[in-house]
PDB file of all heavy atoms in Angstrom:
ATOM      1  N   PHE A   1     -18.597  -4.652 -19.786  1.00  0.00           N
ATOM      2  CA  PHE A   1     -19.306  -5.176 -18.623  1.00  0.00           C
ATOM      3  C   PHE A   1     -18.372  -5.987 -17.738  1.00  0.00           C
ATOM      4  O   PHE A   1     -18.482  -5.962 -16.522  1.00  0.00           O
ATOM      5  CB  PHE A   1     -20.493  -6.026 -19.078  1.00  0.00           C
ATOM      6  CG  PHE A   1     -21.468  -6.324 -17.978  1.00  0.00           C
ATOM      7  CD1 PHE A   1     -22.259  -5.320 -17.455  1.00  0.00           C
ATOM      8  CD2 PHE A   1     -21.577  -7.588 -17.463  1.00  0.00           C
ATOM      9  CE1 PHE A   1     -23.156  -5.574 -16.437  1.00  0.00           C
ATOM     10  CE2 PHE A   1     -22.471  -7.857 -16.434  1.00  0.00           C
ATOM     11  CZ  PHE A   1     -23.256  -6.849 -15.933  1.00  0.00           C
ATOM     12  N   SER A   2     -17.414  -6.681 -18.333  1.00  0.00           N
ATOM     13  CA  SER A   2     -16.490  -7.510 -17.549  1.00  0.00           C
ATOM     14  C   SER A   2     -15.576  -6.670 -16.662  1.00  0.00           C
ATOM     15  O   SER A   2     -14.996  -7.174 -15.718  1.00  0.00           O
ATOM     16  CB  SER A   2     -15.662  -8.402 -18.463  1.00  0.00           C
ATOM     17  OG  SER A   2     -14.757  -7.632 -19.220  1.00  0.00           O
ATOM     18  N   ARG A   3     -15.467  -5.381 -16.940  1.00  0.00           N
ATOM     19  CA  ARG A   3     -14.646  -4.486 -16.111  1.00  0.00           C
ATOM     20  C   ARG A   3     -15.501  -3.609 -15.190  1.00  0.00           C
ATOM     21  O   ARG A   3     -15.016  -2.632 -14.630  1.00  0.00           O
ATOM     22  CB  ARG A   3     -13.798  -3.596 -17.022  1.00  0.00           C
ATOM     23  CG  ARG A   3     -12.782  -4.354 -17.852  1.00  0.00           C
ATOM     24  CD  ARG A   3     -11.873  -3.418 -18.631  1.00  0.00           C
ATOM     25  NE  ARG A   3     -12.592  -2.477 -19.478  1.00  0.00           N
ATOM     26  CZ  ARG A   3     -12.830  -2.634 -20.777  1.00  0.00           C
ATOM     27  NH1 ARG A   3     -12.408  -3.702 -21.397  1.00  0.00           N
ATOM     28  NH2 ARG A   3     -13.486  -1.726 -21.462  1.00  0.00           N
ATOM     29  N   SER A   4     -16.779  -3.949 -15.021  1.00  0.00           N
ATOM     30  CA  SER A   4     -17.686  -3.085 -14.258  1.00  0.00           C
ATOM     31  C   SER A   4     -17.556  -3.263 -12.744  1.00  0.00           C
ATOM     32  O   SER A   4     -18.279  -2.615 -11.986  1.00  0.00           O
ATOM     33  CB  SER A   4     -19.129  -3.325 -14.689  1.00  0.00           C
ATOM     34  OG  SER A   4     -19.524  -4.647 -14.386  1.00  0.00           O
ATOM     35  N   ALA A   5     -16.671  -4.110 -12.308  1.00  0.00           N
ATOM     36  CA  ALA A   5     -16.342  -4.251 -10.881  1.00  0.00           C
ATOM     37  C   ALA A   5     -14.850  -4.531 -10.790  1.00  0.00           C
ATOM     38  O   ALA A   5     -14.272  -5.114 -11.715  1.00  0.00           O
ATOM     39  CB  ALA A   5     -17.130  -5.395 -10.253  1.00  0.00           C
ATOM     40  N   PRO A   6     -14.202  -4.118  -9.729  1.00  0.00           N
ATOM     41  CA  PRO A   6     -12.770  -4.420  -9.589  1.00  0.00           C
ATOM     42  C   PRO A   6     -12.537  -5.935  -9.597  1.00  0.00           C
ATOM     43  O   PRO A   6     -13.269  -6.675  -8.945  1.00  0.00           O
ATOM     44  CB  PRO A   6     -12.401  -3.821  -8.242  1.00  0.00           C
ATOM     45  CG  PRO A   6     -13.479  -2.846  -7.924  1.00  0.00           C
ATOM     46  CD  PRO A   6     -14.712  -3.358  -8.595  1.00  0.00           C
ATOM     47  N   ALA A   7     -11.528  -6.371 -10.321  1.00  0.00           N
ATOM     48  CA  ALA A   7     -11.213  -7.800 -10.369  1.00  0.00           C
ATOM     49  C   ALA A   7     -10.627  -8.272  -9.041  1.00  0.00           C
ATOM     50  O   ALA A   7     -10.695  -9.452  -8.723  1.00  0.00           O
ATOM     51  CB  ALA A   7     -10.235  -8.084 -11.507  1.00  0.00           C
ATOM     52  N   HIS A   8     -10.070  -7.349  -8.267  1.00  0.00           N
ATOM     53  CA  HIS A   8      -9.531  -7.722  -6.964  1.00  0.00           C
ATOM     54  C   HIS A   8      -9.653  -6.550  -5.989  1.00  0.00           C
ATOM     55  O   HIS A   8      -9.668  -5.393  -6.395  1.00  0.00           O
ATOM     56  CB  HIS A   8      -8.063  -8.152  -7.071  1.00  0.00           C
ATOM     57  CG  HIS A   8      -7.157  -7.039  -7.473  1.00  0.00           C
ATOM     58  ND1 HIS A   8      -6.979  -6.660  -8.779  1.00  0.00           N
ATOM     59  CD2 HIS A   8      -6.405  -6.192  -6.738  1.00  0.00           C
ATOM     60  CE1 HIS A   8      -6.142  -5.636  -8.833  1.00  0.00           C
ATOM     61  NE2 HIS A   8      -5.785  -5.329  -7.613  1.00  0.00           N
ATOM     62  N   SER A   9      -9.759  -6.887  -4.725  1.00  0.00           N
ATOM     63  CA  SER A   9      -9.738  -5.876  -3.667  1.00  0.00           C
ATOM     64  C   SER A   9      -9.150  -6.526  -2.421  1.00  0.00           C
ATOM     65  O   SER A   9      -9.231  -7.742  -2.228  1.00  0.00           O
ATOM     66  CB  SER A   9     -11.140  -5.329  -3.388  1.00  0.00           C
ATOM     67  OG  SER A   9     -12.001  -6.351  -2.959  1.00  0.00           O
ATOM     68  N   LEU A  10      -8.545  -5.693  -1.606  1.00  0.00           N
ATOM     69  CA  LEU A  10      -7.877  -6.165  -0.404  1.00  0.00           C
ATOM     70  C   LEU A  10      -8.053  -5.131   0.693  1.00  0.00           C
ATOM     71  O   LEU A  10      -8.018  -3.925   0.420  1.00  0.00           O
ATOM     72  CB  LEU A  10      -6.389  -6.376  -0.691  1.00  0.00           C
ATOM     73  CG  LEU A  10      -5.493  -6.703   0.495  1.00  0.00           C
ATOM     74  CD1 LEU A  10      -4.501  -7.781   0.101  1.00  0.00           C
ATOM     75  CD2 LEU A  10      -4.744  -5.480   0.981  1.00  0.00           C
ATOM     76  N   SER A  11      -8.249  -5.577   1.915  1.00  0.00           N
ATOM     77  CA  SER A  11      -8.229  -4.665   3.059  1.00  0.00           C
ATOM     78  C   SER A  11      -7.476  -5.341   4.198  1.00  0.00           C
ATOM     79  O   SER A  11      -7.573  -6.554   4.398  1.00  0.00           O
ATOM     80  CB  SER A  11      -9.640  -4.273   3.501  1.00  0.00           C
ATOM     81  OG  SER A  11     -10.321  -5.363   4.045  1.00  0.00           O
ATOM     82  N   LEU A  12      -6.708  -4.541   4.897  1.00  0.00           N
ATOM     83  CA  LEU A  12      -5.945  -5.003   6.048  1.00  0.00           C
ATOM     84  C   LEU A  12      -6.206  -4.016   7.175  1.00  0.00           C
ATOM     85  O   LEU A  12      -5.942  -2.818   7.033  1.00  0.00           O
ATOM     86  CB  LEU A  12      -4.452  -5.063   5.708  1.00  0.00           C
ATOM     87  CG  LEU A  12      -3.522  -5.561   6.804  1.00  0.00           C
ATOM     88  CD1 LEU A  12      -3.859  -6.987   7.210  1.00  0.00           C
ATOM     89  CD2 LEU A  12      -2.077  -5.476   6.334  1.00  0.00           C
ATOM     90  N   LEU A  13      -6.763  -4.504   8.273  1.00  0.00           N
ATOM     91  CA  LEU A  13      -7.147  -3.656   9.390  1.00  0.00           C
ATOM     92  C   LEU A  13      -6.444  -4.129  10.651  1.00  0.00           C
ATOM     93  O   LEU A  13      -6.500  -5.310  10.989  1.00  0.00           O
ATOM     94  CB  LEU A  13      -8.668  -3.708   9.593  1.00  0.00           C
ATOM     95  CG  LEU A  13      -9.235  -2.918  10.766  1.00  0.00           C
ATOM     96  CD1 LEU A  13      -9.011  -1.420  10.575  1.00  0.00           C
ATOM     97  CD2 LEU A  13     -10.716  -3.222  10.940  1.00  0.00           C
ATOM     98  N   ALA A  14      -5.758  -3.208  11.326  1.00  0.00           N
ATOM     99  CA  ALA A  14      -5.108  -3.505  12.606  1.00  0.00           C
ATOM    100  C   ALA A  14      -5.798  -2.662  13.678  1.00  0.00           C
ATOM    101  O   ALA A  14      -5.946  -1.447  13.529  1.00  0.00           O
ATOM    102  CB  ALA A  14      -3.630  -3.170  12.553  1.00  0.00           C
ATOM    103  N   ILE A  15      -6.235  -3.327  14.728  1.00  0.00           N
ATOM    104  CA  ILE A  15      -6.931  -2.663  15.830  1.00  0.00           C
ATOM    105  C   ILE A  15      -6.144  -2.921  17.108  1.00  0.00           C
ATOM    106  O   ILE A  15      -5.812  -4.066  17.416  1.00  0.00           O
ATOM    107  CB  ILE A  15      -8.362  -3.201  15.996  1.00  0.00           C
ATOM    108  CG1 ILE A  15      -9.139  -3.061  14.688  1.00  0.00           C
ATOM    109  CG2 ILE A  15      -9.086  -2.495  17.141  1.00  0.00           C
ATOM    110  CD1 ILE A  15     -10.416  -3.864  14.652  1.00  0.00           C
ATOM    111  N   GLN A  16      -5.846  -1.840  17.833  1.00  0.00           N
ATOM    112  CA  GLN A  16      -5.083  -1.956  19.076  1.00  0.00           C
ATOM    113  C   GLN A  16      -5.849  -1.264  20.197  1.00  0.00           C
ATOM    114  O   GLN A  16      -6.218  -0.097  20.076  1.00  0.00           O
ATOM    115  CB  GLN A  16      -3.698  -1.329  18.924  1.00  0.00           C
ATOM    116  CG  GLN A  16      -2.844  -1.380  20.160  1.00  0.00           C
ATOM    117  CD  GLN A  16      -2.472  -2.807  20.554  1.00  0.00           C
ATOM    118  OE1 GLN A  16      -2.008  -3.572  19.726  1.00  0.00           O
ATOM    119  NE2 GLN A  16      -2.682  -3.157  21.816  1.00  0.00           N
ATOM    120  N   ARG A  17      -6.095  -2.000  21.270  1.00  0.00           N
ATOM    121  CA  ARG A  17      -6.693  -1.405  22.460  1.00  0.00           C
ATOM    122  C   ARG A  17      -5.565  -1.030  23.413  1.00  0.00           C
ATOM    123  O   ARG A  17      -4.673  -1.838  23.687  1.00  0.00           O
ATOM    124  CB  ARG A  17      -7.668  -2.391  23.112  1.00  0.00           C
ATOM    125  CG  ARG A  17      -8.967  -2.508  22.334  1.00  0.00           C
ATOM    126  CD  ARG A  17     -10.002  -3.384  23.036  1.00  0.00           C
ATOM    127  NE  ARG A  17      -9.560  -4.735  23.359  1.00  0.00           N
ATOM    128  CZ  ARG A  17      -9.454  -5.725  22.482  1.00  0.00           C
ATOM    129  NH1 ARG A  17      -9.745  -5.520  21.211  1.00  0.00           N
ATOM    130  NH2 ARG A  17      -9.049  -6.921  22.860  1.00  0.00           N
ATOM    131  N   PHE A  18      -5.621   0.192  23.906  1.00  0.00           N
ATOM    132  CA  PHE A  18      -4.598   0.717  24.809  1.00  0.00           C
ATOM    133  C   PHE A  18      -5.197   0.876  26.204  1.00  0.00           C
ATOM    134  O   PHE A  18      -6.419   0.874  26.373  1.00  0.00           O
ATOM    135  CB  PHE A  18      -4.084   2.071  24.301  1.00  0.00           C
ATOM    136  CG  PHE A  18      -3.447   2.009  22.954  1.00  0.00           C
ATOM    137  CD1 PHE A  18      -4.122   2.469  21.831  1.00  0.00           C
ATOM    138  CD2 PHE A  18      -2.165   1.493  22.786  1.00  0.00           C
ATOM    139  CE1 PHE A  18      -3.533   2.421  20.582  1.00  0.00           C
ATOM    140  CE2 PHE A  18      -1.570   1.439  21.545  1.00  0.00           C
ATOM    141  CZ  PHE A  18      -2.257   1.899  20.436  1.00  0.00           C
ATOM    142  N   PRO A  19      -4.359   1.080  27.217  1.00  0.00           N
ATOM    143  CA  PRO A  19      -4.876   1.332  28.566  1.00  0.00           C
ATOM    144  C   PRO A  19      -5.758   2.579  28.603  1.00  0.00           C
ATOM    145  O   PRO A  19      -5.690   3.434  27.725  1.00  0.00           O
ATOM    146  CB  PRO A  19      -3.604   1.537  29.403  1.00  0.00           C
ATOM    147  CG  PRO A  19      -2.516   0.845  28.639  1.00  0.00           C
ATOM    148  CD  PRO A  19      -2.896   0.984  27.189  1.00  0.00           C
ATOM    149  N   ARG A  20      -6.574   2.654  29.623  1.00  0.00           N
ATOM    150  CA  ARG A  20      -7.471   3.789  29.886  1.00  0.00           C
ATOM    151  C   ARG A  20      -8.523   3.979  28.792  1.00  0.00           C
ATOM    152  O   ARG A  20      -8.901   5.102  28.462  1.00  0.00           O
ATOM    153  CB  ARG A  20      -6.684   5.075  30.089  1.00  0.00           C
ATOM    154  CG  ARG A  20      -5.770   5.008  31.295  1.00  0.00           C
ATOM    155  CD  ARG A  20      -5.155   6.339  31.569  1.00  0.00           C
ATOM    156  NE  ARG A  20      -4.139   6.189  32.586  1.00  0.00           N
ATOM    157  CZ  ARG A  20      -3.085   6.956  32.672  1.00  0.00           C
ATOM    158  NH1 ARG A  20      -2.892   7.927  31.814  1.00  0.00           N
ATOM    159  NH2 ARG A  20      -2.200   6.761  33.629  1.00  0.00           N
ATOM    160  N   ASP A  21      -8.936   2.877  28.180  1.00  0.00           N
ATOM    161  CA  ASP A  21     -10.033   2.883  27.198  1.00  0.00           C
ATOM    162  C   ASP A  21      -9.731   3.656  25.915  1.00  0.00           C
ATOM    163  O   ASP A  21     -10.636   4.199  25.288  1.00  0.00           O
ATOM    164  CB  ASP A  21     -11.329   3.393  27.834  1.00  0.00           C
ATOM    165  CG  ASP A  21     -11.891   2.398  28.824  1.00  0.00           C
ATOM    166  OD1 ASP A  21     -11.860   1.187  28.530  1.00  0.00           O
ATOM    167  OD2 ASP A  21     -12.364   2.827  29.899  1.00  0.00           O
ATOM    168  N   TYR A  22      -8.486   3.697  25.521  1.00  0.00           N
ATOM    169  CA  TYR A  22      -8.122   4.246  24.217  1.00  0.00           C
ATOM    170  C   TYR A  22      -8.049   3.104  23.206  1.00  0.00           C
ATOM    171  O   TYR A  22      -7.639   1.987  23.538  1.00  0.00           O
ATOM    172  CB  TYR A  22      -6.763   4.954  24.269  1.00  0.00           C
ATOM    173  CG  TYR A  22      -6.797   6.307  24.907  1.00  0.00           C
ATOM    174  CD1 TYR A  22      -6.509   6.468  26.263  1.00  0.00           C
ATOM    175  CD2 TYR A  22      -7.113   7.433  24.162  1.00  0.00           C
ATOM    176  CE1 TYR A  22      -6.534   7.708  26.866  1.00  0.00           C
ATOM    177  CE2 TYR A  22      -7.138   8.685  24.756  1.00  0.00           C
ATOM    178  CZ  TYR A  22      -6.850   8.814  26.100  1.00  0.00           C
ATOM    179  OH  TYR A  22      -6.880  10.049  26.676  1.00  0.00           O
ATOM    180  N   THR A  23      -8.434   3.380  21.976  1.00  0.00           N
ATOM    181  CA  THR A  23      -8.348   2.401  20.889  1.00  0.00           C
ATOM    182  C   THR A  23      -7.817   3.103  19.651  1.00  0.00           C
ATOM    183  O   THR A  23      -8.180   4.244  19.365  1.00  0.00           O
ATOM    184  CB  THR A  23      -9.742   1.820  20.558  1.00  0.00           C
ATOM    185  OG1 THR A  23     -10.296   1.242  21.729  1.00  0.00           O
ATOM    186  CG2 THR A  23      -9.656   0.755  19.469  1.00  0.00           C
ATOM    187  N   GLY A  24      -6.971   2.403  18.909  1.00  0.00           N
ATOM    188  CA  GLY A  24      -6.469   2.922  17.642  1.00  0.00           C
ATOM    189  C   GLY A  24      -6.642   1.867  16.566  1.00  0.00           C
ATOM    190  O   GLY A  24      -6.581   0.662  16.829  1.00  0.00           O
TER     191      GLY A  24
END
């Protein structure tokens, strides 16, 4: 039961808005 969820998680999100309404 102690291993029934990840002990750690990480997310890194980079969002860039470009000219002419483009986004990445």
